[in-house]
Amino acid sequence: MKTFYNHLHAQHQGKVEMFRGALVPCFEVPARADHVLAELQRRQLGAVLEPQAFDEAALTAIHSPRYLNFLATAWDQWVALDAANADKDILPSVWPTRTFRTDIEPDNFAAKVGLYSYDAGTPFTSGTWVAARAGANCALSAAQVVVAGDRAAFALSRPPGHHAGADFFGGYCFLNNAALAAQHLRHAGMKKVAVLDVDYHHGNGTQAIFFDRPDVYFASIHGDPRTEYPFYLGHADETGSGAGLGANLNLPLPRGTDYATWAQALETALAGIARFGADALVVSLGMDTFEGDPISGFKLKTDDYLRIGERLAKAGLPTVFIFEGGYAVQEVGVNAVNVLQGFTNP
């Protein structure tokens, strides 16, 4: 299995995030990807490659031009306000909700940040755009080799992507790598694509992007949004809209869920994908379902990830794996590579 690795990911390294009313050190750190890379190399599961460069059109297939322009220029705007800002991360402090307008981009920078974000836990740093842009190239490159005939490929990058929508960031995510990969598969001629999100946190951005589309099926197994981030999406009654009605499946599970129960949800998700008739699969591979994750609540164990990989292989679909969450940093490498190994050697 080819892995496309983002060598620029460490340029995004937030200092603090807002968590439960306090500024705390970021949970989403460069060591996450470093541990996965080291484990991949130790097990020699396949070549680790530089991604191909893709042009802006690949991004605008998913993200709005206005939003992309903001991401590309935000740091310069921030430092232009005050040279001392170069030593601080950008964190939003105001948001347009409910009756507030969002069609007009304000001139005030603090208002712009709020317009394009939805939480105060996603610091924007001097290297965020560079890292996220290179990560998108990893996702697109992984999709491209699957289009060319590879059975599977892995995009190893950070920041993650599944919380990012067409025109907003949050949940540590800026560009939606899974959505970009799915759209690339569609543009390449695959008539139907499924995205399976196995991160502990619901992929609200991916759902929002494809919610009214009949050609991309989104299935997510995640912590119940009544108690778990991102809270405002991920309920079972969200099944798509318009032409996309029936192409969205949410499987929320309570805190404390073990592998036996989680695996039943996986069977339900894969059955839905099979009925949909997907030609290819994109997996948002979040590892924060692990029992030792500091900000999550499922009870999966390291060996369980081998079984997940084996079951995904049995789906028999060309598959693009996209690295998402997972904050038990010391274990994230072994757990992620277990999925890939289980898939490669079922």
C-alpha atoms as a PDB file:
ATOM      1  CA  MET A   1       0.000   0.000   0.000  1.00  0.00           C
ATOM      2  CA  LYS A   2       1.400   3.363  -1.042  1.00  0.00           C
ATOM      3  CA  THR A   3       1.441   6.104   1.621  1.00  0.00           C
ATOM      4  CA  PHE A   4       1.520   9.766   0.677  1.00  0.00           C
ATOM      5  CA  TYR A   5       3.155  11.625   3.528  1.00  0.00           C
ATOM      6  CA  ASN A   6       2.936  15.336   4.220  1.00  0.00           C
ATOM      7  CA  HIS A   7       6.494  16.391   5.024  1.00  0.00           C
ATOM      8  CA  LEU A   8       5.231  19.897   5.770  1.00  0.00           C
ATOM      9  CA  HIS A   9       2.662  18.910   8.407  1.00  0.00           C
ATOM     10  CA  ALA A  10       4.772  20.111  11.348  1.00  0.00           C
ATOM     11  CA  GLN A  11       4.522  23.682  10.060  1.00  0.00           C
ATOM     12  CA  HIS A  12       1.081  23.598  11.640  1.00  0.00           C
ATOM     13  CA  GLN A  13       1.709  23.437  15.381  1.00  0.00           C
ATOM     14  CA  GLY A  14      -0.769  25.247  17.558  1.00  0.00           C
ATOM     15  CA  LYS A  15       0.277  26.581  20.938  1.00  0.00           C
ATOM     16  CA  VAL A  16      -3.030  26.454  22.836  1.00  0.00           C
ATOM     17  CA  GLU A  17      -6.705  25.678  22.328  1.00  0.00           C
ATOM     18  CA  MET A  18      -9.826  26.461  24.305  1.00  0.00           C
ATOM     19  CA  PHE A  19     -10.982  23.320  26.131  1.00  0.00           C
ATOM     20  CA  ARG A  20     -13.683  23.309  28.794  1.00  0.00           C
ATOM     21  CA  GLY A  21     -13.238  26.956  29.643  1.00  0.00           C
ATOM     22  CA  ALA A  22      -9.455  27.045  29.745  1.00  0.00           C
ATOM     23  CA  LEU A  23      -6.582  27.565  27.337  1.00  0.00           C
ATOM     24  CA  VAL A  24      -4.672  24.275  27.297  1.00  0.00           C
ATOM     25  CA  PRO A  25      -1.827  22.833  25.190  1.00  0.00           C
ATOM     26  CA  CYS A  26      -3.113  21.498  21.881  1.00  0.00           C
ATOM     27  CA  PHE A  27      -4.081  17.828  21.700  1.00  0.00           C
ATOM     28  CA  GLU A  28      -3.505  17.819  17.933  1.00  0.00           C
ATOM     29  CA  VAL A  29       0.298  17.750  17.673  1.00  0.00           C
ATOM     30  CA  PRO A  30       2.906  16.872  15.021  1.00  0.00           C
ATOM     31  CA  ALA A  31       4.007  13.754  16.940  1.00  0.00           C
ATOM     32  CA  ARG A  32       0.723  12.107  15.938  1.00  0.00           C
ATOM     33  CA  ALA A  33       1.777  11.774  12.295  1.00  0.00           C
ATOM     34  CA  ASP A  34       5.401  11.124  13.243  1.00  0.00           C
ATOM     35  CA  HIS A  35       4.441   8.018  15.224  1.00  0.00           C
ATOM     36  CA  VAL A  36       2.349   6.665  12.342  1.00  0.00           C
ATOM     37  CA  LEU A  37       5.196   7.221   9.884  1.00  0.00           C
ATOM     38  CA  ALA A  38       7.697   5.485  12.171  1.00  0.00           C
ATOM     39  CA  GLU A  39       5.421   2.469  12.552  1.00  0.00           C
ATOM     40  CA  LEU A  40       4.781   2.283   8.815  1.00  0.00           C
ATOM     41  CA  GLN A  41       8.495   2.245   8.171  1.00  0.00           C
ATOM     42  CA  ARG A  42       9.123  -0.318  10.888  1.00  0.00           C
ATOM     43  CA  ARG A  43       6.621  -2.755   9.386  1.00  0.00           C
ATOM     44  CA  GLN A  44       7.515  -1.906   5.778  1.00  0.00           C
ATOM     45  CA  LEU A  45       3.927  -1.969   4.581  1.00  0.00           C
ATOM     46  CA  GLY A  46       4.749  -0.113   1.375  1.00  0.00           C
ATOM     47  CA  ALA A  47       6.425   2.886  -0.180  1.00  0.00           C
ATOM     48  CA  VAL A  48       6.181   6.286   1.495  1.00  0.00           C
ATOM     49  CA  LEU A  49       5.909   8.871  -1.266  1.00  0.00           C
ATOM     50  CA  GLU A  50       5.793  12.621  -1.821  1.00  0.00           C
ATOM     51  CA  PRO A  51       2.386  13.758  -3.046  1.00  0.00           C
ATOM     52  CA  GLN A  52       1.721  15.135  -6.486  1.00  0.00           C
ATOM     53  CA  ALA A  53       0.862  18.832  -6.652  1.00  0.00           C
ATOM     54  CA  PHE A  54      -2.757  19.565  -7.592  1.00  0.00           C
ATOM     55  CA  ASP A  55      -4.055  22.939  -8.724  1.00  0.00           C
ATOM     56  CA  GLU A  56      -6.689  25.152  -7.161  1.00  0.00           C
ATOM     57  CA  ALA A  57      -9.490  23.556  -9.181  1.00  0.00           C
ATOM     58  CA  ALA A  58      -9.168  20.379  -7.112  1.00  0.00           C
ATOM     59  CA  LEU A  59      -9.906  22.434  -3.990  1.00  0.00           C
ATOM     60  CA  THR A  60     -12.730  24.545  -5.406  1.00  0.00           C
ATOM     61  CA  ALA A  61     -14.531  21.318  -6.301  1.00  0.00           C
ATOM     62  CA  ILE A  62     -15.249  21.118  -2.535  1.00  0.00           C
ATOM     63  CA  HIS A  63     -14.389  24.451  -0.890  1.00  0.00           C
ATOM     64  CA  SER A  64     -15.677  27.927  -1.734  1.00  0.00           C
ATOM     65  CA  PRO A  65     -13.195  30.337  -3.352  1.00  0.00           C
ATOM     66  CA  ARG A  66     -13.965  32.956  -0.681  1.00  0.00           C
ATOM     67  CA  TYR A  67     -13.014  30.522   2.071  1.00  0.00           C
ATOM     68  CA  LEU A  68      -9.856  29.349   0.321  1.00  0.00           C
ATOM     69  CA  ASN A  69      -8.761  32.950  -0.150  1.00  0.00           C
ATOM     70  CA  PHE A  70      -9.256  33.544   3.559  1.00  0.00           C
ATOM     71  CA  LEU A  71      -7.144  30.519   4.506  1.00  0.00           C
ATOM     72  CA  ALA A  72      -4.377  31.551   2.130  1.00  0.00           C
ATOM     73  CA  THR A  73      -4.226  35.136   3.416  1.00  0.00           C
ATOM     74  CA  ALA A  74      -5.312  34.871   7.066  1.00  0.00           C
ATOM     75  CA  TRP A  75      -1.849  34.798   8.597  1.00  0.00           C
ATOM     76  CA  ASP A  76      -0.672  37.857   6.647  1.00  0.00           C
ATOM     77  CA  GLN A  77      -3.821  39.723   7.652  1.00  0.00           C
ATOM     78  CA  TRP A  78      -3.272  38.745  11.286  1.00  0.00           C
ATOM     79  CA  VAL A  79       0.327  39.971  11.389  1.00  0.00           C
ATOM     80  CA  ALA A  80      -0.604  43.152   9.514  1.00  0.00           C
ATOM     81  CA  LEU A  81      -2.864  44.097  12.420  1.00  0.00           C
ATOM     82  CA  ASP A  82       0.095  44.055  14.834  1.00  0.00           C
ATOM     83  CA  ALA A  83       3.635  42.782  14.266  1.00  0.00           C
ATOM     84  CA  ALA A  84       3.516  41.198  17.732  1.00  0.00           C
ATOM     85  CA  ASN A  85       0.822  38.845  16.446  1.00  0.00           C
ATOM     86  CA  ALA A  86       3.575  36.843  14.727  1.00  0.00           C
ATOM     87  CA  ASP A  87       4.178  35.191  18.106  1.00  0.00           C
ATOM     88  CA  LYS A  88       0.510  34.332  18.681  1.00  0.00           C
ATOM     89  CA  ASP A  89      -1.878  31.867  17.088  1.00  0.00           C
ATOM     90  CA  ILE A  90      -5.189  33.011  15.654  1.00  0.00           C
ATOM     91  CA  LEU A  91      -8.180  31.913  17.720  1.00  0.00           C
ATOM     92  CA  PRO A  92     -11.710  33.132  16.947  1.00  0.00           C
ATOM     93  CA  SER A  93     -13.791  34.926  19.554  1.00  0.00           C
ATOM     94  CA  VAL A  94     -17.042  35.821  17.771  1.00  0.00           C
ATOM     95  CA  TRP A  95     -19.335  33.787  15.512  1.00  0.00           C
ATOM     96  CA  PRO A  96     -22.384  34.497  13.319  1.00  0.00           C
ATOM     97  CA  THR A  97     -25.186  32.288  14.612  1.00  0.00           C
ATOM     98  CA  ARG A  98     -28.852  31.912  13.750  1.00  0.00           C
ATOM     99  CA  THR A  99     -30.108  35.344  12.612  1.00  0.00           C
ATOM    100  CA  PHE A 100     -26.667  36.799  11.837  1.00  0.00           C
ATOM    101  CA  ARG A 101     -25.774  37.333   8.166  1.00  0.00           C
ATOM    102  CA  THR A 102     -22.974  35.353   6.570  1.00  0.00           C
ATOM    103  CA  ASP A 103     -23.268  36.406   2.932  1.00  0.00           C
ATOM    104  CA  ILE A 104     -21.154  39.536   3.394  1.00  0.00           C
ATOM    105  CA  GLU A 105     -17.520  39.108   4.376  1.00  0.00           C
ATOM    106  CA  PRO A 106     -16.684  41.732   7.025  1.00  0.00           C
ATOM    107  CA  ASP A 107     -13.542  43.843   6.840  1.00  0.00           C
ATOM    108  CA  ASN A 108     -12.746  43.364  10.529  1.00  0.00           C
ATOM    109  CA  PHE A 109     -10.310  40.456  10.872  1.00  0.00           C
ATOM    110  CA  ALA A 110     -11.752  39.073  14.130  1.00  0.00           C
ATOM    111  CA  ALA A 111     -15.142  38.962  12.433  1.00  0.00           C
ATOM    112  CA  LYS A 112     -13.669  37.201   9.411  1.00  0.00           C
ATOM    113  CA  VAL A 113     -12.158  34.478  11.609  1.00  0.00           C
ATOM    114  CA  GLY A 114     -15.528  33.932  13.236  1.00  0.00           C
ATOM    115  CA  LEU A 115     -17.277  33.843   9.861  1.00  0.00           C
ATOM    116  CA  TYR A 116     -15.068  30.976   8.693  1.00  0.00           C
ATOM    117  CA  SER A 117     -14.868  28.950  11.914  1.00  0.00           C
ATOM    118  CA  TYR A 118     -17.132  27.385  14.495  1.00  0.00           C
ATOM    119  CA  ASP A 119     -15.025  26.805  17.610  1.00  0.00           C
ATOM    120  CA  ALA A 120     -12.174  28.261  19.656  1.00  0.00           C
ATOM    121  CA  GLY A 121     -10.266  24.988  19.770  1.00  0.00           C
ATOM    122  CA  THR A 122      -8.663  25.203  16.334  1.00  0.00           C
ATOM    123  CA  PRO A 123      -5.652  27.510  16.362  1.00  0.00           C
ATOM    124  CA  PHE A 124      -4.534  28.961  13.039  1.00  0.00           C
ATOM    125  CA  THR A 125      -0.750  29.262  12.905  1.00  0.00           C
ATOM    126  CA  SER A 126       1.849  30.715  10.561  1.00  0.00           C
ATOM    127  CA  GLY A 127       2.197  27.373   8.799  1.00  0.00           C
ATOM    128  CA  THR A 128      -1.417  26.210   8.821  1.00  0.00           C
ATOM    129  CA  TRP A 129      -2.182  26.973   5.192  1.00  0.00           C
ATOM    130  CA  VAL A 130       1.062  25.389   3.944  1.00  0.00           C
ATOM    131  CA  ALA A 131       0.437  22.235   5.970  1.00  0.00           C
ATOM    132  CA  ALA A 132      -3.237  21.943   5.053  1.00  0.00           C
ATOM    133  CA  ARG A 133      -2.562  22.582   1.365  1.00  0.00           C
ATOM    134  CA  ALA A 134       0.111  19.874   1.278  1.00  0.00           C
ATOM    135  CA  GLY A 135      -2.262  17.551   3.111  1.00  0.00           C
ATOM    136  CA  ALA A 136      -4.867  18.041   0.412  1.00  0.00           C
ATOM    137  CA  ASN A 137      -2.257  17.002  -2.128  1.00  0.00           C
ATOM    138  CA  CYS A 138      -1.686  13.810  -0.126  1.00  0.00           C
ATOM    139  CA  ALA A 139      -5.397  12.965  -0.166  1.00  0.00           C
ATOM    140  CA  LEU A 140      -5.712  13.699  -3.877  1.00  0.00           C
ATOM    141  CA  SER A 141      -2.573  11.701  -4.682  1.00  0.00           C
ATOM    142  CA  ALA A 142      -3.879   8.707  -2.742  1.00  0.00           C
ATOM    143  CA  ALA A 143      -7.152   8.923  -4.662  1.00  0.00           C
ATOM    144  CA  GLN A 144      -5.276   9.214  -7.937  1.00  0.00           C
ATOM    145  CA  VAL A 145      -3.287   5.986  -7.521  1.00  0.00           C
ATOM    146  CA  VAL A 146      -6.502   4.166  -6.620  1.00  0.00           C
ATOM    147  CA  VAL A 147      -8.050   5.549  -9.815  1.00  0.00           C
ATOM    148  CA  ALA A 148      -4.996   4.205 -11.650  1.00  0.00           C
ATOM    149  CA  GLY A 149      -5.603   0.699 -10.317  1.00  0.00           C
ATOM    150  CA  ASP A 150      -4.083   0.377  -6.849  1.00  0.00           C
ATOM    151  CA  ARG A 151      -6.273  -1.548  -4.420  1.00  0.00           C
ATOM    152  CA  ALA A 152      -5.710   0.993  -1.657  1.00  0.00           C
ATOM    153  CA  ALA A 153      -3.618   3.997  -0.633  1.00  0.00           C
ATOM    154  CA  PHE A 154      -3.079   6.012   2.545  1.00  0.00           C
ATOM    155  CA  ALA A 155      -2.890   9.794   2.999  1.00  0.00           C
ATOM    156  CA  LEU A 156      -0.818  10.474   6.121  1.00  0.00           C
ATOM    157  CA  SER A 157      -1.157  14.123   6.974  1.00  0.00           C
ATOM    158  CA  ARG A 158      -2.234  16.624   9.538  1.00  0.00           C
ATOM    159  CA  PRO A 159      -4.077  18.807  10.336  1.00  0.00           C
ATOM    160  CA  PRO A 160      -7.005  16.420   9.907  1.00  0.00           C
ATOM    161  CA  GLY A 161      -9.961  17.332   7.725  1.00  0.00           C
ATOM    162  CA  HIS A 162     -13.367  15.773   8.375  1.00  0.00           C
ATOM    163  CA  HIS A 163     -14.772  18.648  10.478  1.00  0.00           C
ATOM    164  CA  ALA A 164     -14.029  21.230   7.765  1.00  0.00           C
ATOM    165  CA  GLY A 165     -16.968  22.235   5.603  1.00  0.00           C
ATOM    166  CA  ALA A 166     -17.145  23.906   2.239  1.00  0.00           C
ATOM    167  CA  ASP A 167     -16.544  27.293   3.868  1.00  0.00           C
ATOM    168  CA  PHE A 168     -15.610  26.783   7.509  1.00  0.00           C
ATOM    169  CA  PHE A 169     -12.936  25.295   9.760  1.00  0.00           C
ATOM    170  CA  GLY A 170     -13.122  23.771  13.223  1.00  0.00           C
ATOM    171  CA  GLY A 171     -12.305  20.624  15.145  1.00  0.00           C
ATOM    172  CA  TYR A 172      -8.609  20.981  14.207  1.00  0.00           C
ATOM    173  CA  CYS A 173      -9.613  20.802  10.497  1.00  0.00           C
ATOM    174  CA  PHE A 174      -9.191  23.293   7.645  1.00  0.00           C
ATOM    175  CA  LEU A 175      -9.451  21.420   4.327  1.00  0.00           C
ATOM    176  CA  ASN A 176     -11.643  18.330   4.087  1.00  0.00           C
ATOM    177  CA  ASN A 177      -9.236  15.711   2.775  1.00  0.00           C
ATOM    178  CA  ALA A 178     -11.800  12.893   2.695  1.00  0.00           C
ATOM    179  CA  ALA A 179     -14.238  15.005   0.683  1.00  0.00           C
ATOM    180  CA  LEU A 180     -11.482  16.073  -1.690  1.00  0.00           C
ATOM    181  CA  ALA A 181     -10.515  12.435  -2.249  1.00  0.00           C
ATOM    182  CA  ALA A 182     -14.134  11.378  -2.794  1.00  0.00           C
ATOM    183  CA  GLN A 183     -14.716  14.173  -5.291  1.00  0.00           C
ATOM    184  CA  HIS A 184     -11.518  13.278  -7.139  1.00  0.00           C
ATOM    185  CA  LEU A 185     -12.735   9.687  -7.480  1.00  0.00           C
ATOM    186  CA  ARG A 186     -16.026  10.987  -8.864  1.00  0.00           C
ATOM    187  CA  HIS A 187     -14.313  13.278 -11.352  1.00  0.00           C
ATOM    188  CA  ALA A 188     -12.186  10.343 -12.479  1.00  0.00           C
ATOM    189  CA  GLY A 189     -15.286   8.440 -13.533  1.00  0.00           C
ATOM    190  CA  MET A 190     -16.399   6.429 -10.517  1.00  0.00           C
ATOM    191  CA  LYS A 191     -20.167   6.822 -10.520  1.00  0.00           C
ATOM    192  CA  LYS A 192     -20.750   6.254  -6.828  1.00  0.00           C
ATOM    193  CA  VAL A 193     -18.357   6.791  -3.925  1.00  0.00           C
ATOM    194  CA  ALA A 194     -18.833   6.059  -0.230  1.00  0.00           C
ATOM    195  CA  VAL A 195     -17.142   7.854   2.657  1.00  0.00           C
ATOM    196  CA  LEU A 196     -16.947   5.839   5.883  1.00  0.00           C
ATOM    197  CA  ASP A 197     -15.986   7.922   8.906  1.00  0.00           C
ATOM    198  CA  VAL A 198     -14.730   5.860  11.862  1.00  0.00           C
ATOM    199  CA  ASP A 199     -13.375   8.754  13.912  1.00  0.00           C
ATOM    200  CA  TYR A 200     -14.839   9.083  17.422  1.00  0.00           C
ATOM    201  CA  HIS A 201     -16.179  12.502  16.465  1.00  0.00           C
ATOM    202  CA  HIS A 202     -18.823  12.886  13.780  1.00  0.00           C
ATOM    203  CA  GLY A 203     -17.544  14.121  10.426  1.00  0.00           C
ATOM    204  CA  ASN A 204     -19.876  17.093  10.310  1.00  0.00           C
ATOM    205  CA  GLY A 205     -17.976  18.818   7.527  1.00  0.00           C
ATOM    206  CA  THR A 206     -18.086  15.792   5.229  1.00  0.00           C
ATOM    207  CA  GLN A 207     -21.779  15.283   5.925  1.00  0.00           C
ATOM    208  CA  ALA A 208     -22.574  18.925   5.167  1.00  0.00           C
ATOM    209  CA  ILE A 209     -20.647  18.826   1.887  1.00  0.00           C
ATOM    210  CA  PHE A 210     -22.451  15.767   0.514  1.00  0.00           C
ATOM    211  CA  PHE A 211     -25.801  15.915   2.339  1.00  0.00           C
ATOM    212  CA  ASP A 212     -27.913  16.683  -0.729  1.00  0.00           C
ATOM    213  CA  ARG A 213     -25.963  14.583  -3.234  1.00  0.00           C
ATOM    214  CA  PRO A 214     -27.044  11.141  -4.455  1.00  0.00           C
ATOM    215  CA  ASP A 215     -23.616  10.135  -5.786  1.00  0.00           C
ATOM    216  CA  VAL A 216     -21.650  10.156  -2.497  1.00  0.00           C
ATOM    217  CA  TYR A 217     -22.815   8.050   0.445  1.00  0.00           C
ATOM    218  CA  PHE A 218     -21.671   9.171   3.889  1.00  0.00           C
ATOM    219  CA  ALA A 219     -21.682   6.759   6.836  1.00  0.00           C
ATOM    220  CA  SER A 220     -20.352   7.683  10.261  1.00  0.00           C
ATOM    221  CA  ILE A 221     -19.866   5.726  13.503  1.00  0.00           C
ATOM    222  CA  HIS A 222     -19.264   8.169  16.329  1.00  0.00           C
ATOM    223  CA  GLY A 223     -19.945   9.338  19.850  1.00  0.00           C
ATOM    224  CA  ASP A 224     -23.512  10.470  20.467  1.00  0.00           C
ATOM    225  CA  PRO A 225     -23.697  14.207  19.639  1.00  0.00           C
ATOM    226  CA  ARG A 226     -25.983  14.823  22.605  1.00  0.00           C
ATOM    227  CA  THR A 227     -22.837  14.572  24.738  1.00  0.00           C
ATOM    228  CA  GLU A 228     -19.898  14.485  22.294  1.00  0.00           C
ATOM    229  CA  TYR A 229     -18.232  17.003  19.986  1.00  0.00           C
ATOM    230  CA  PRO A 230     -19.214  18.425  17.511  1.00  0.00           C
ATOM    231  CA  PHE A 231     -22.659  18.265  19.196  1.00  0.00           C
ATOM    232  CA  TYR A 232     -24.789  19.915  16.502  1.00  0.00           C
ATOM    233  CA  LEU A 233     -24.719  17.199  13.819  1.00  0.00           C
ATOM    234  CA  GLY A 234     -24.499  13.425  13.794  1.00  0.00           C
ATOM    235  CA  HIS A 235     -27.958  12.335  14.914  1.00  0.00           C
ATOM    236  CA  ALA A 236     -29.528   9.212  13.434  1.00  0.00           C
ATOM    237  CA  ASP A 237     -32.403  11.126  11.840  1.00  0.00           C
ATOM    238  CA  GLU A 238     -30.024  12.991   9.494  1.00  0.00           C
ATOM    239  CA  THR A 239     -30.445  10.870   6.369  1.00  0.00           C
ATOM    240  CA  GLY A 240     -29.759  13.360   3.579  1.00  0.00           C
ATOM    241  CA  SER A 241     -31.893  15.907   1.794  1.00  0.00           C
ATOM    242  CA  GLY A 242     -33.313  16.434  -1.675  1.00  0.00           C
ATOM    243  CA  ALA A 243     -31.607  14.182  -4.198  1.00  0.00           C
ATOM    244  CA  GLY A 244     -29.324  12.929  -1.416  1.00  0.00           C
ATOM    245  CA  LEU A 245     -32.123  11.607   0.781  1.00  0.00           C
ATOM    246  CA  GLY A 246     -31.113   8.144   1.987  1.00  0.00           C
ATOM    247  CA  ALA A 247     -27.420   8.629   1.200  1.00  0.00           C
ATOM    248  CA  ASN A 248     -26.436   9.674   4.736  1.00  0.00           C
ATOM    249  CA  LEU A 249     -26.177   7.238   7.634  1.00  0.00           C
ATOM    250  CA  ASN A 250     -25.286   8.253  11.173  1.00  0.00           C
ATOM    251  CA  LEU A 251     -24.656   5.609  13.822  1.00  0.00           C
ATOM    252  CA  PRO A 252     -24.177   7.460  17.134  1.00  0.00           C
ATOM    253  CA  LEU A 253     -23.031   5.327  20.066  1.00  0.00           C
ATOM    254  CA  PRO A 254     -22.798   6.088  23.793  1.00  0.00           C
ATOM    255  CA  ARG A 255     -19.623   6.730  25.740  1.00  0.00           C
ATOM    256  CA  GLY A 256     -18.100   3.467  26.924  1.00  0.00           C
ATOM    257  CA  THR A 257     -18.951   1.514  23.759  1.00  0.00           C
ATOM    258  CA  ASP A 258     -16.700  -1.530  23.336  1.00  0.00           C
ATOM    259  CA  TYR A 259     -15.525  -3.225  20.164  1.00  0.00           C
ATOM    260  CA  ALA A 260     -18.310  -5.813  20.031  1.00  0.00           C
ATOM    261  CA  THR A 261     -20.968  -3.104  19.882  1.00  0.00           C
ATOM    262  CA  TRP A 262     -18.873  -0.859  17.647  1.00  0.00           C
ATOM    263  CA  ALA A 263     -18.306  -3.740  15.207  1.00  0.00           C
ATOM    264  CA  GLN A 264     -22.069  -4.223  14.881  1.00  0.00           C
ATOM    265  CA  ALA A 265     -22.342  -0.587  13.823  1.00  0.00           C
ATOM    266  CA  LEU A 266     -19.566  -1.173  11.301  1.00  0.00           C
ATOM    267  CA  GLU A 267     -21.581  -4.032   9.796  1.00  0.00           C
ATOM    268  CA  THR A 268     -24.596  -1.736   9.506  1.00  0.00           C
ATOM    269  CA  ALA A 269     -22.500   0.935   7.799  1.00  0.00           C
ATOM    270  CA  LEU A 270     -20.924  -1.503   5.344  1.00  0.00           C
ATOM    271  CA  ALA A 271     -24.318  -2.995   4.546  1.00  0.00           C
ATOM    272  CA  GLY A 272     -25.573   0.487   3.689  1.00  0.00           C
ATOM    273  CA  ILE A 273     -22.535   1.104   1.500  1.00  0.00           C
ATOM    274  CA  ALA A 274     -23.120  -2.211  -0.290  1.00  0.00           C
ATOM    275  CA  ARG A 275     -26.777  -1.379  -0.955  1.00  0.00           C
ATOM    276  CA  PHE A 276     -25.724   2.005  -2.290  1.00  0.00           C
ATOM    277  CA  GLY A 277     -23.532   0.251  -4.837  1.00  0.00           C
ATOM    278  CA  ALA A 278     -20.342   2.237  -4.246  1.00  0.00           C
ATOM    279  CA  ASP A 279     -17.522   1.857  -6.765  1.00  0.00           C
ATOM    280  CA  ALA A 280     -14.900   3.042  -4.269  1.00  0.00           C
ATOM    281  CA  LEU A 281     -14.513   3.774  -0.568  1.00  0.00           C
ATOM    282  CA  VAL A 282     -12.872   6.635   1.305  1.00  0.00           C
ATOM    283  CA  VAL A 283     -12.187   5.926   4.987  1.00  0.00           C
ATOM    284  CA  SER A 284     -11.821   8.823   7.395  1.00  0.00           C
ATOM    285  CA  LEU A 285      -9.425   6.932   9.648  1.00  0.00           C
ATOM    286  CA  GLY A 286      -9.741   8.464  13.100  1.00  0.00           C
ATOM    287  CA  MET A 287      -7.957   6.553  15.847  1.00  0.00           C
ATOM    288  CA  ASP A 288      -9.590   8.321  18.795  1.00  0.00           C
ATOM    289  CA  THR A 289     -11.906   5.360  19.344  1.00  0.00           C
ATOM    290  CA  PHE A 290      -8.999   3.868  21.302  1.00  0.00           C
ATOM    291  CA  GLU A 291      -9.620   3.209  24.996  1.00  0.00           C
ATOM    292  CA  GLY A 292      -6.696   5.428  26.002  1.00  0.00           C
ATOM    293  CA  ASP A 293      -7.643   8.504  24.010  1.00  0.00           C
ATOM    294  CA  PRO A 294      -7.650  11.587  26.272  1.00  0.00           C
ATOM    295  CA  ILE A 295     -10.593  13.414  24.695  1.00  0.00           C
ATOM    296  CA  SER A 296     -12.846  10.546  23.589  1.00  0.00           C
ATOM    297  CA  GLY A 297     -14.917   7.778  25.162  1.00  0.00           C
ATOM    298  CA  PHE A 298     -14.974   4.454  23.298  1.00  0.00           C
ATOM    299  CA  LYS A 299     -13.138   1.349  24.516  1.00  0.00           C
ATOM    300  CA  LEU A 300     -11.485  -0.157  21.445  1.00  0.00           C
ATOM    301  CA  LYS A 301      -8.181  -1.935  22.022  1.00  0.00           C
ATOM    302  CA  THR A 302      -5.065  -2.092  19.873  1.00  0.00           C
ATOM    303  CA  ASP A 303      -5.803  -5.569  18.471  1.00  0.00           C
ATOM    304  CA  ASP A 304      -9.294  -4.454  17.463  1.00  0.00           C
ATOM    305  CA  TYR A 305      -7.813  -2.257  14.757  1.00  0.00           C
ATOM    306  CA  LEU A 306      -6.407  -5.301  12.965  1.00  0.00           C
ATOM    307  CA  ARG A 307      -9.929  -6.689  12.796  1.00  0.00           C
ATOM    308  CA  ILE A 308     -11.277  -3.398  11.490  1.00  0.00           C
ATOM    309  CA  GLY A 309      -8.761  -3.495   8.660  1.00  0.00           C
ATOM    310  CA  GLU A 310      -9.654  -7.094   7.864  1.00  0.00           C
ATOM    311  CA  ARG A 311     -13.363  -6.268   7.717  1.00  0.00           C
ATOM    312  CA  LEU A 312     -12.816  -3.250   5.491  1.00  0.00           C
ATOM    313  CA  ALA A 313     -10.812  -5.429   3.102  1.00  0.00           C
ATOM    314  CA  LYS A 314     -13.756  -7.821   2.819  1.00  0.00           C
ATOM    315  CA  ALA A 315     -15.891  -4.980   1.477  1.00  0.00           C
ATOM    316  CA  GLY A 316     -13.930  -5.520  -1.739  1.00  0.00           C
ATOM    317  CA  LEU A 317     -13.764  -1.872  -2.777  1.00  0.00           C
ATOM    318  CA  PRO A 318     -10.839   0.262  -3.963  1.00  0.00           C
ATOM    319  CA  THR A 319     -10.089   2.195  -0.795  1.00  0.00           C
ATOM    320  CA  VAL A 320      -8.475   5.508   0.118  1.00  0.00           C
ATOM    321  CA  PHE A 321      -7.521   5.867   3.790  1.00  0.00           C
ATOM    322  CA  ILE A 322      -7.308   9.408   5.174  1.00  0.00           C
ATOM    323  CA  PHE A 323      -5.646   9.987   8.557  1.00  0.00           C
ATOM    324  CA  GLU A 324      -7.933  11.970  10.861  1.00  0.00           C
ATOM    325  CA  GLY A 325      -8.009  12.144  14.695  1.00  0.00           C
ATOM    326  CA  GLY A 326      -6.406  10.133  17.473  1.00  0.00           C
ATOM    327  CA  TYR A 327      -4.805  11.826  20.469  1.00  0.00           C
ATOM    328  CA  ALA A 328      -3.259   8.991  22.468  1.00  0.00           C
ATOM    329  CA  VAL A 329      -0.021  10.005  20.823  1.00  0.00           C
ATOM    330  CA  GLN A 330       2.203   7.113  21.895  1.00  0.00           C
ATOM    331  CA  GLU A 331      -0.266   4.494  20.645  1.00  0.00           C
ATOM    332  CA  VAL A 332      -1.660   6.184  17.553  1.00  0.00           C
ATOM    333  CA  GLY A 333       1.015   4.802  15.234  1.00  0.00           C
ATOM    334  CA  VAL A 334       0.528   1.162  16.161  1.00  0.00           C
ATOM    335  CA  ASN A 335      -3.253   1.490  16.078  1.00  0.00           C
ATOM    336  CA  ALA A 336      -3.388   3.205  12.679  1.00  0.00           C
ATOM    337  CA  VAL A 337      -0.936   0.824  11.055  1.00  0.00           C
ATOM    338  CA  ASN A 338      -2.829  -2.124  12.502  1.00  0.00           C
ATOM    339  CA  VAL A 339      -5.819  -1.082  10.392  1.00  0.00           C
ATOM    340  CA  LEU A 340      -3.646  -0.846   7.282  1.00  0.00           C
ATOM    341  CA  GLN A 341      -1.961  -4.166   8.012  1.00  0.00           C
ATOM    342  CA  GLY A 342      -5.277  -5.874   8.638  1.00  0.00           C
ATOM    343  CA  PHE A 343      -6.522  -4.506   5.321  1.00  0.00           C
ATOM    344  CA  THR A 344      -3.368  -5.501   3.426  1.00  0.00           C
ATOM    345  CA  ASN A 345      -3.014  -8.962   4.957  1.00  0.00           C
ATOM    346  CA  PRO A 346      -6.552 -10.044   5.927  1.00  0.00           C
END
